Amino acid sequence: MNADDQKKAAAVRALDYVKPGMKLGLGTGSTAEHFVRALGEKVKQGLDVLCVPTSERTGKLAESLGIPLTNLDDTPHLDITVDGADELDRELRLIKGGGGALLREKIVATASERMIVIADASKLVETLGAFPLPVEVIPFGAAATARRIAEVASDFGCTGRMSRRADEYGEPFFTDSENFIYDCAFGTIPDPDGLSAALNRIAGVVDNGLFIGIASLAIVGTATGTDILGSI
């Protein structure tokens, strides 16, 4: 199977964990969209679920498929969030945020009893960091905040090019929460737990794309099927 087939296989396998009456978080990105589409087919067949999307994009897709939607204000406790990852290691630590929705993804995931990660085999790595780590920053004083991010990251053995994300027109990219994202090409992250905590102590940083201690299970599509990491 190619990478997209692996994503689909992981997404379909995740449906095994969805039961009638569940409240679900719906992730953002190409792999998560495979799950949303597969879920939409189940809803058409009568599956009763209520879902919170992690982005405007996911919300629009789910709505177009007839999936019932709510929000965390009205439904603050979710059973499962199903989402993709830009990288994951065997301890189920993740880098997320390539799609620009890391803050909402983390809020929804931590409002859930469990998080299931779905990914193709290329996303499973021994050491996080080859994928640039996104850090969401408020626009006020962003350049000063970025300098502080670089200083703190260096203390954890992380150096490399940092760039403020741009949109398709070359203008600053804004998240759904109207913040900037800095992509940090560290190469390797020796201490993801420590770096994540330290970054989030910086004034001006809203959150970072390291998801630590959040995922319970990973379904990884492979050339021959799917592998399961962790447990529910």
C-alpha atoms as a PDB file:
ATOM      1  CA  MET A   1       0.000   0.000   0.000  1.00  0.00           C
ATOM      2  CA  ASN A   2       1.179   3.527  -0.694  1.00  0.00           C
ATOM      3  CA  ALA A   3       1.128   6.223   1.991  1.00  0.00           C
ATOM      4  CA  ASP A   4      -2.427   7.350   1.252  1.00  0.00           C
ATOM      5  CA  ASP A   5      -3.691   3.762   1.325  1.00  0.00           C
ATOM      6  CA  GLN A   6      -1.970   3.325   4.687  1.00  0.00           C
ATOM      7  CA  LYS A   7      -3.709   6.440   5.999  1.00  0.00           C
ATOM      8  CA  LYS A   8      -7.072   5.097   4.870  1.00  0.00           C
ATOM      9  CA  ALA A   9      -6.406   1.699   6.440  1.00  0.00           C
ATOM     10  CA  ALA A  10      -5.531   3.318   9.783  1.00  0.00           C
ATOM     11  CA  ALA A  11      -8.601   5.562   9.617  1.00  0.00           C
ATOM     12  CA  VAL A  12     -10.968   2.677   8.906  1.00  0.00           C
ATOM     13  CA  ARG A  13      -9.407   0.600  11.703  1.00  0.00           C
ATOM     14  CA  ALA A  14     -10.086   3.461  14.134  1.00  0.00           C
ATOM     15  CA  LEU A  15     -13.815   3.012  13.524  1.00  0.00           C
ATOM     16  CA  ASP A  16     -13.571  -0.254  15.489  1.00  0.00           C
ATOM     17  CA  TYR A  17     -13.242   1.855  18.638  1.00  0.00           C
ATOM     18  CA  VAL A  18     -16.293   4.028  17.946  1.00  0.00           C
ATOM     19  CA  LYS A  19     -19.500   2.927  19.648  1.00  0.00           C
ATOM     20  CA  PRO A  20     -23.064   4.286  19.350  1.00  0.00           C
ATOM     21  CA  GLY A  21     -23.728   7.281  21.564  1.00  0.00           C
ATOM     22  CA  MET A  22     -20.090   8.348  21.756  1.00  0.00           C
ATOM     23  CA  LYS A  23     -18.930  11.944  21.739  1.00  0.00           C
ATOM     24  CA  LEU A  24     -15.906  12.294  19.482  1.00  0.00           C
ATOM     25  CA  GLY A  25     -13.199  14.807  18.685  1.00  0.00           C
ATOM     26  CA  LEU A  26     -12.397  15.034  14.991  1.00  0.00           C
ATOM     27  CA  GLY A  27      -8.822  15.872  14.036  1.00  0.00           C
ATOM     28  CA  THR A  28      -7.388  17.992  11.246  1.00  0.00           C
ATOM     29  CA  GLY A  29      -5.215  16.992   8.292  1.00  0.00           C
ATOM     30  CA  SER A  30      -5.202  14.527   5.434  1.00  0.00           C
ATOM     31  CA  THR A  31      -5.232  11.396   7.604  1.00  0.00           C
ATOM     32  CA  ALA A  32      -7.933  12.736   9.905  1.00  0.00           C
ATOM     33  CA  GLU A  33     -10.043  13.591   6.863  1.00  0.00           C
ATOM     34  CA  HIS A  34     -10.014   9.924   5.856  1.00  0.00           C
ATOM     35  CA  PHE A  35     -11.479   9.122   9.268  1.00  0.00           C
ATOM     36  CA  VAL A  36     -14.120  11.855   8.988  1.00  0.00           C
ATOM     37  CA  ARG A  37     -15.214  10.529   5.592  1.00  0.00           C
ATOM     38  CA  ALA A  38     -15.366   6.957   6.871  1.00  0.00           C
ATOM     39  CA  LEU A  39     -17.316   8.123   9.910  1.00  0.00           C
ATOM     40  CA  GLY A  40     -19.713   9.987   7.640  1.00  0.00           C
ATOM     41  CA  GLU A  41     -20.547   6.717   5.897  1.00  0.00           C
ATOM     42  CA  LYS A  42     -21.320   5.101   9.241  1.00  0.00           C
ATOM     43  CA  VAL A  43     -23.524   8.043  10.228  1.00  0.00           C
ATOM     44  CA  LYS A  44     -25.472   7.625   6.993  1.00  0.00           C
ATOM     45  CA  GLN A  45     -26.028   4.007   8.016  1.00  0.00           C
ATOM     46  CA  GLY A  46     -27.478   5.105  11.357  1.00  0.00           C
ATOM     47  CA  LEU A  47     -24.506   5.434  13.730  1.00  0.00           C
ATOM     48  CA  ASP A  48     -25.403   7.856  16.553  1.00  0.00           C
ATOM     49  CA  VAL A  49     -22.440  10.082  17.473  1.00  0.00           C
ATOM     50  CA  LEU A  50     -21.852  13.726  18.381  1.00  0.00           C
ATOM     51  CA  CYS A  51     -18.596  15.360  17.321  1.00  0.00           C
ATOM     52  CA  VAL A  52     -16.365  18.349  18.064  1.00  0.00           C
ATOM     53  CA  PRO A  53     -14.128  19.402  15.128  1.00  0.00           C
ATOM     54  CA  THR A  54     -10.627  20.716  15.781  1.00  0.00           C
ATOM     55  CA  SER A  55     -10.666  23.244  12.934  1.00  0.00           C
ATOM     56  CA  GLU A  56     -12.992  25.189  10.689  1.00  0.00           C
ATOM     57  CA  ARG A  57     -11.871  22.988   7.797  1.00  0.00           C
ATOM     58  CA  THR A  58     -12.782  19.775   9.592  1.00  0.00           C
ATOM     59  CA  GLY A  59     -16.062  21.256  10.740  1.00  0.00           C
ATOM     60  CA  LYS A  60     -17.074  22.105   7.186  1.00  0.00           C
ATOM     61  CA  LEU A  61     -16.204  18.622   5.948  1.00  0.00           C
ATOM     62  CA  ALA A  62     -18.086  16.909   8.767  1.00  0.00           C
ATOM     63  CA  GLU A  63     -21.120  19.128   8.253  1.00  0.00           C
ATOM     64  CA  SER A  64     -21.151  18.320   4.528  1.00  0.00           C
ATOM     65  CA  LEU A  65     -21.251  14.612   5.409  1.00  0.00           C
ATOM     66  CA  GLY A  66     -24.158  14.986   7.809  1.00  0.00           C
ATOM     67  CA  ILE A  67     -22.143  14.306  10.959  1.00  0.00           C
ATOM     68  CA  PRO A  68     -23.813  15.917  14.011  1.00  0.00           C
ATOM     69  CA  LEU A  69     -21.579  18.600  15.523  1.00  0.00           C
ATOM     70  CA  THR A  70     -21.295  20.319  18.868  1.00  0.00           C
ATOM     71  CA  ASN A  71     -18.640  22.335  20.728  1.00  0.00           C
ATOM     72  CA  LEU A  72     -16.709  22.006  23.965  1.00  0.00           C
ATOM     73  CA  ASP A  73     -18.785  24.668  25.714  1.00  0.00           C
ATOM     74  CA  ASP A  74     -21.907  22.553  25.294  1.00  0.00           C
ATOM     75  CA  THR A  75     -20.128  19.182  25.419  1.00  0.00           C
ATOM     76  CA  PRO A  76     -17.033  19.556  27.601  1.00  0.00           C
ATOM     77  CA  HIS A  77     -16.271  15.835  27.994  1.00  0.00           C
ATOM     78  CA  LEU A  78     -15.524  13.619  24.995  1.00  0.00           C
ATOM     79  CA  ASP A  79     -14.996   9.873  24.795  1.00  0.00           C
ATOM     80  CA  ILE A  80     -12.379   9.683  22.044  1.00  0.00           C
ATOM     81  CA  THR A  81     -10.493  12.028  19.754  1.00  0.00           C
ATOM     82  CA  VAL A  82      -9.176  10.549  16.523  1.00  0.00           C
ATOM     83  CA  ASP A  83      -6.436  12.587  14.869  1.00  0.00           C
ATOM     84  CA  GLY A  84      -3.314  12.246  12.767  1.00  0.00           C
ATOM     85  CA  ALA A  85       0.268  13.167  13.594  1.00  0.00           C
ATOM     86  CA  ASP A  86       3.203  14.644  11.730  1.00  0.00           C
ATOM     87  CA  GLU A  87       5.516  12.395  13.748  1.00  0.00           C
ATOM     88  CA  LEU A  88       5.110   9.878  16.551  1.00  0.00           C
ATOM     89  CA  ASP A  89       7.547   7.772  18.512  1.00  0.00           C
ATOM     90  CA  ARG A  90       7.062   4.446  20.247  1.00  0.00           C
ATOM     91  CA  GLU A  91       6.230   6.156  23.529  1.00  0.00           C
ATOM     92  CA  LEU A  92       3.261   7.783  21.737  1.00  0.00           C
ATOM     93  CA  ARG A  93       4.780  11.235  21.934  1.00  0.00           C
ATOM     94  CA  LEU A  94       3.703  13.292  18.941  1.00  0.00           C
ATOM     95  CA  ILE A  95       4.568  16.300  16.835  1.00  0.00           C
ATOM     96  CA  LYS A  96       1.415  17.909  15.473  1.00  0.00           C
ATOM     97  CA  GLY A  97       0.538  21.233  13.917  1.00  0.00           C
ATOM     98  CA  GLY A  98       1.594  20.865  10.304  1.00  0.00           C
ATOM     99  CA  GLY A  99      -1.970  21.762   9.361  1.00  0.00           C
ATOM    100  CA  GLY A 100      -1.961  24.789  11.641  1.00  0.00           C
ATOM    101  CA  ALA A 101      -4.517  23.526  14.179  1.00  0.00           C
ATOM    102  CA  LEU A 102      -2.279  22.378  17.041  1.00  0.00           C
ATOM    103  CA  LEU A 103      -3.927  24.507  19.747  1.00  0.00           C
ATOM    104  CA  ARG A 104      -7.478  23.390  19.048  1.00  0.00           C
ATOM    105  CA  GLU A 105      -6.276  19.837  18.472  1.00  0.00           C
ATOM    106  CA  LYS A 106      -4.629  19.771  21.899  1.00  0.00           C
ATOM    107  CA  ILE A 107      -7.627  21.347  23.623  1.00  0.00           C
ATOM    108  CA  VAL A 108      -9.983  18.782  22.105  1.00  0.00           C
ATOM    109  CA  ALA A 109      -7.624  15.855  22.715  1.00  0.00           C
ATOM    110  CA  THR A 110      -7.187  16.716  26.392  1.00  0.00           C
ATOM    111  CA  ALA A 111     -10.970  17.072  26.786  1.00  0.00           C
ATOM    112  CA  SER A 112     -11.242  13.439  25.715  1.00  0.00           C
ATOM    113  CA  GLU A 113     -10.996  10.300  27.788  1.00  0.00           C
ATOM    114  CA  ARG A 114      -8.665   8.823  25.151  1.00  0.00           C
ATOM    115  CA  MET A 115      -6.847   9.934  22.013  1.00  0.00           C
ATOM    116  CA  ILE A 116      -6.307   7.600  19.075  1.00  0.00           C
ATOM    117  CA  VAL A 117      -3.581   8.569  16.611  1.00  0.00           C
ATOM    118  CA  ILE A 118      -3.844   7.384  13.016  1.00  0.00           C
ATOM    119  CA  ALA A 119      -0.860   7.585  10.674  1.00  0.00           C
ATOM    120  CA  ASP A 120       0.993   6.012   7.796  1.00  0.00           C
ATOM    121  CA  ALA A 121       4.237   4.155   8.479  1.00  0.00           C
ATOM    122  CA  SER A 122       6.464   7.096   7.509  1.00  0.00           C
ATOM    123  CA  LYS A 123       5.266   9.044  10.547  1.00  0.00           C
ATOM    124  CA  LEU A 124       6.653   6.539  13.063  1.00  0.00           C
ATOM    125  CA  VAL A 125      10.180   7.577  14.096  1.00  0.00           C
ATOM    126  CA  GLU A 126      12.741   6.616  16.699  1.00  0.00           C
ATOM    127  CA  THR A 127      13.472  10.228  17.704  1.00  0.00           C
ATOM    128  CA  LEU A 128      11.157  13.192  17.202  1.00  0.00           C
ATOM    129  CA  GLY A 129      12.341  16.319  15.427  1.00  0.00           C
ATOM    130  CA  ALA A 130      12.852  15.648  11.722  1.00  0.00           C
ATOM    131  CA  PHE A 131       9.481  17.293  11.167  1.00  0.00           C
ATOM    132  CA  PRO A 132       9.781  20.984  12.138  1.00  0.00           C
ATOM    133  CA  LEU A 133       8.144  21.611  15.503  1.00  0.00           C
ATOM    134  CA  PRO A 134       5.308  24.168  15.239  1.00  0.00           C
ATOM    135  CA  VAL A 135       5.030  26.698  18.058  1.00  0.00           C
ATOM    136  CA  GLU A 136       1.940  28.909  18.193  1.00  0.00           C
ATOM    137  CA  VAL A 137       2.692  32.500  19.227  1.00  0.00           C
ATOM    138  CA  ILE A 138       0.516  35.557  19.722  1.00  0.00           C
ATOM    139  CA  PRO A 139       1.296  38.301  17.176  1.00  0.00           C
ATOM    140  CA  PHE A 140       2.169  40.948  19.800  1.00  0.00           C
ATOM    141  CA  GLY A 141       5.940  40.901  20.296  1.00  0.00           C
ATOM    142  CA  ALA A 142       6.255  37.793  18.132  1.00  0.00           C
ATOM    143  CA  ALA A 143       9.852  38.437  17.081  1.00  0.00           C
ATOM    144  CA  ALA A 144      10.949  38.789  20.709  1.00  0.00           C
ATOM    145  CA  THR A 145       9.064  35.633  21.597  1.00  0.00           C
ATOM    146  CA  ALA A 146      10.770  33.779  18.743  1.00  0.00           C
ATOM    147  CA  ARG A 147      14.199  34.820  20.047  1.00  0.00           C
ATOM    148  CA  ARG A 148      13.262  33.481  23.471  1.00  0.00           C
ATOM    149  CA  ILE A 149      12.068  30.201  21.904  1.00  0.00           C
ATOM    150  CA  ALA A 150      15.476  29.790  20.265  1.00  0.00           C
ATOM    151  CA  GLU A 151      17.278  30.449  23.555  1.00  0.00           C
ATOM    152  CA  VAL A 152      15.169  27.968  25.509  1.00  0.00           C
ATOM    153  CA  ALA A 153      15.392  25.324  22.787  1.00  0.00           C
ATOM    154  CA  SER A 154      19.176  25.631  22.766  1.00  0.00           C
ATOM    155  CA  ASP A 155      19.218  24.740  26.474  1.00  0.00           C
ATOM    156  CA  PHE A 156      17.630  21.409  25.470  1.00  0.00           C
ATOM    157  CA  GLY A 157      20.103  20.695  22.692  1.00  0.00           C
ATOM    158  CA  CYS A 158      17.767  21.910  19.957  1.00  0.00           C
ATOM    159  CA  THR A 159      19.121  24.296  17.348  1.00  0.00           C
ATOM    160  CA  GLY A 160      18.160  24.969  13.769  1.00  0.00           C
ATOM    161  CA  ARG A 161      16.308  27.347  11.495  1.00  0.00           C
ATOM    162  CA  MET A 162      13.115  28.908  12.829  1.00  0.00           C
ATOM    163  CA  SER A 163      10.703  30.495  10.385  1.00  0.00           C
ATOM    164  CA  ARG A 164       7.350  32.176  10.760  1.00  0.00           C
ATOM    165  CA  ARG A 165       4.858  30.237   8.674  1.00  0.00           C
ATOM    166  CA  ALA A 166       3.493  31.955   5.567  1.00  0.00           C
ATOM    167  CA  ASP A 167       0.292  31.262   3.659  1.00  0.00           C
ATOM    168  CA  GLU A 168       0.034  30.376  -0.032  1.00  0.00           C
ATOM    169  CA  TYR A 169       0.357  34.049  -0.965  1.00  0.00           C
ATOM    170  CA  GLY A 170       3.495  34.618   1.090  1.00  0.00           C
ATOM    171  CA  GLU A 171       1.613  36.528   3.768  1.00  0.00           C
ATOM    172  CA  PRO A 172       1.779  35.578   7.469  1.00  0.00           C
ATOM    173  CA  PHE A 173      -0.220  32.438   8.219  1.00  0.00           C
ATOM    174  CA  PHE A 174      -2.843  32.884  10.927  1.00  0.00           C
ATOM    175  CA  THR A 175      -4.338  30.006  12.883  1.00  0.00           C
ATOM    176  CA  ASP A 176      -8.081  29.731  13.501  1.00  0.00           C
ATOM    177  CA  SER A 177      -7.336  31.545  16.776  1.00  0.00           C
ATOM    178  CA  GLU A 178      -5.568  34.383  14.902  1.00  0.00           C
ATOM    179  CA  ASN A 179      -2.066  33.527  16.056  1.00  0.00           C
ATOM    180  CA  PHE A 180       1.256  33.028  14.247  1.00  0.00           C
ATOM    181  CA  ILE A 181       3.107  29.723  13.958  1.00  0.00           C
ATOM    182  CA  TYR A 182       6.884  29.424  14.040  1.00  0.00           C
ATOM    183  CA  ASP A 183       8.224  26.204  12.529  1.00  0.00           C
ATOM    184  CA  CYS A 184      11.390  25.063  14.289  1.00  0.00           C
ATOM    185  CA  ALA A 185      13.642  22.742  12.272  1.00  0.00           C
ATOM    186  CA  PHE A 186      15.538  21.157  15.154  1.00  0.00           C
ATOM    187  CA  GLY A 187      16.352  17.877  13.399  1.00  0.00           C
ATOM    188  CA  THR A 188      16.235  15.916  16.644  1.00  0.00           C
ATOM    189  CA  ILE A 189      14.612  16.612  20.010  1.00  0.00           C
ATOM    190  CA  PRO A 190      16.556  14.748  22.713  1.00  0.00           C
ATOM    191  CA  ASP A 191      14.129  15.628  25.544  1.00  0.00           C
ATOM    192  CA  PRO A 192      10.593  16.194  24.179  1.00  0.00           C
ATOM    193  CA  ASP A 193       9.023  16.242  27.646  1.00  0.00           C
ATOM    194  CA  GLY A 194      11.359  18.889  29.015  1.00  0.00           C
ATOM    195  CA  LEU A 195      11.316  21.023  25.876  1.00  0.00           C
ATOM    196  CA  SER A 196       7.530  21.057  25.705  1.00  0.00           C
ATOM    197  CA  ALA A 197       7.174  22.196  29.308  1.00  0.00           C
ATOM    198  CA  ALA A 198       9.852  24.873  28.919  1.00  0.00           C
ATOM    199  CA  LEU A 199       8.397  26.300  25.704  1.00  0.00           C
ATOM    200  CA  ASN A 200       4.980  26.659  27.287  1.00  0.00           C
ATOM    201  CA  ARG A 201       6.459  28.735  30.104  1.00  0.00           C
ATOM    202  CA  ILE A 202       7.546  31.437  27.636  1.00  0.00           C
ATOM    203  CA  ALA A 203       5.331  34.522  27.685  1.00  0.00           C
ATOM    204  CA  GLY A 204       3.802  34.876  24.231  1.00  0.00           C
ATOM    205  CA  VAL A 205       3.806  31.165  23.444  1.00  0.00           C
ATOM    206  CA  VAL A 206       0.252  29.871  23.293  1.00  0.00           C
ATOM    207  CA  ASP A 207       1.229  26.213  22.918  1.00  0.00           C
ATOM    208  CA  ASN A 208       3.579  23.968  20.997  1.00  0.00           C
ATOM    209  CA  GLY A 209       3.114  20.953  18.761  1.00  0.00           C
ATOM    210  CA  LEU A 210       4.570  18.371  21.147  1.00  0.00           C
ATOM    211  CA  PHE A 211       1.754  16.185  22.449  1.00  0.00           C
ATOM    212  CA  ILE A 212       3.148  14.444  25.527  1.00  0.00           C
ATOM    213  CA  GLY A 213       1.168  11.914  27.571  1.00  0.00           C
ATOM    214  CA  ILE A 214      -1.999  12.553  25.574  1.00  0.00           C
ATOM    215  CA  ALA A 215      -2.302   9.701  23.064  1.00  0.00           C
ATOM    216  CA  SER A 216      -3.450   6.310  24.358  1.00  0.00           C
ATOM    217  CA  LEU A 217      -3.284   4.323  21.141  1.00  0.00           C
ATOM    218  CA  ALA A 218      -1.716   4.623  17.699  1.00  0.00           C
ATOM    219  CA  ILE A 219      -2.917   2.843  14.587  1.00  0.00           C
ATOM    220  CA  VAL A 220      -0.155   2.830  11.994  1.00  0.00           C
ATOM    221  CA  GLY A 221      -0.880   1.836   8.414  1.00  0.00           C
ATOM    222  CA  THR A 222       1.776  -0.397   6.886  1.00  0.00           C
ATOM    223  CA  ALA A 223       2.492  -2.008   3.531  1.00  0.00           C
ATOM    224  CA  THR A 224       0.480  -5.047   4.579  1.00  0.00           C
ATOM    225  CA  GLY A 225      -2.186  -3.701   6.947  1.00  0.00           C
ATOM    226  CA  THR A 226      -2.100  -1.886  10.298  1.00  0.00           C
ATOM    227  CA  ASP A 227      -0.045  -2.080  13.488  1.00  0.00           C
ATOM    228  CA  ILE A 228      -1.274  -1.065  16.935  1.00  0.00           C
ATOM    229  CA  LEU A 229       0.861   0.749  19.507  1.00  0.00           C
ATOM    230  CA  GLY A 230      -0.410   1.274  23.042  1.00  0.00           C
ATOM    231  CA  SER A 231      -3.828   0.259  24.339  1.00  0.00           C
ATOM    232  CA  ILE A 232      -7.241   1.624  25.197  1.00  0.00           C
END
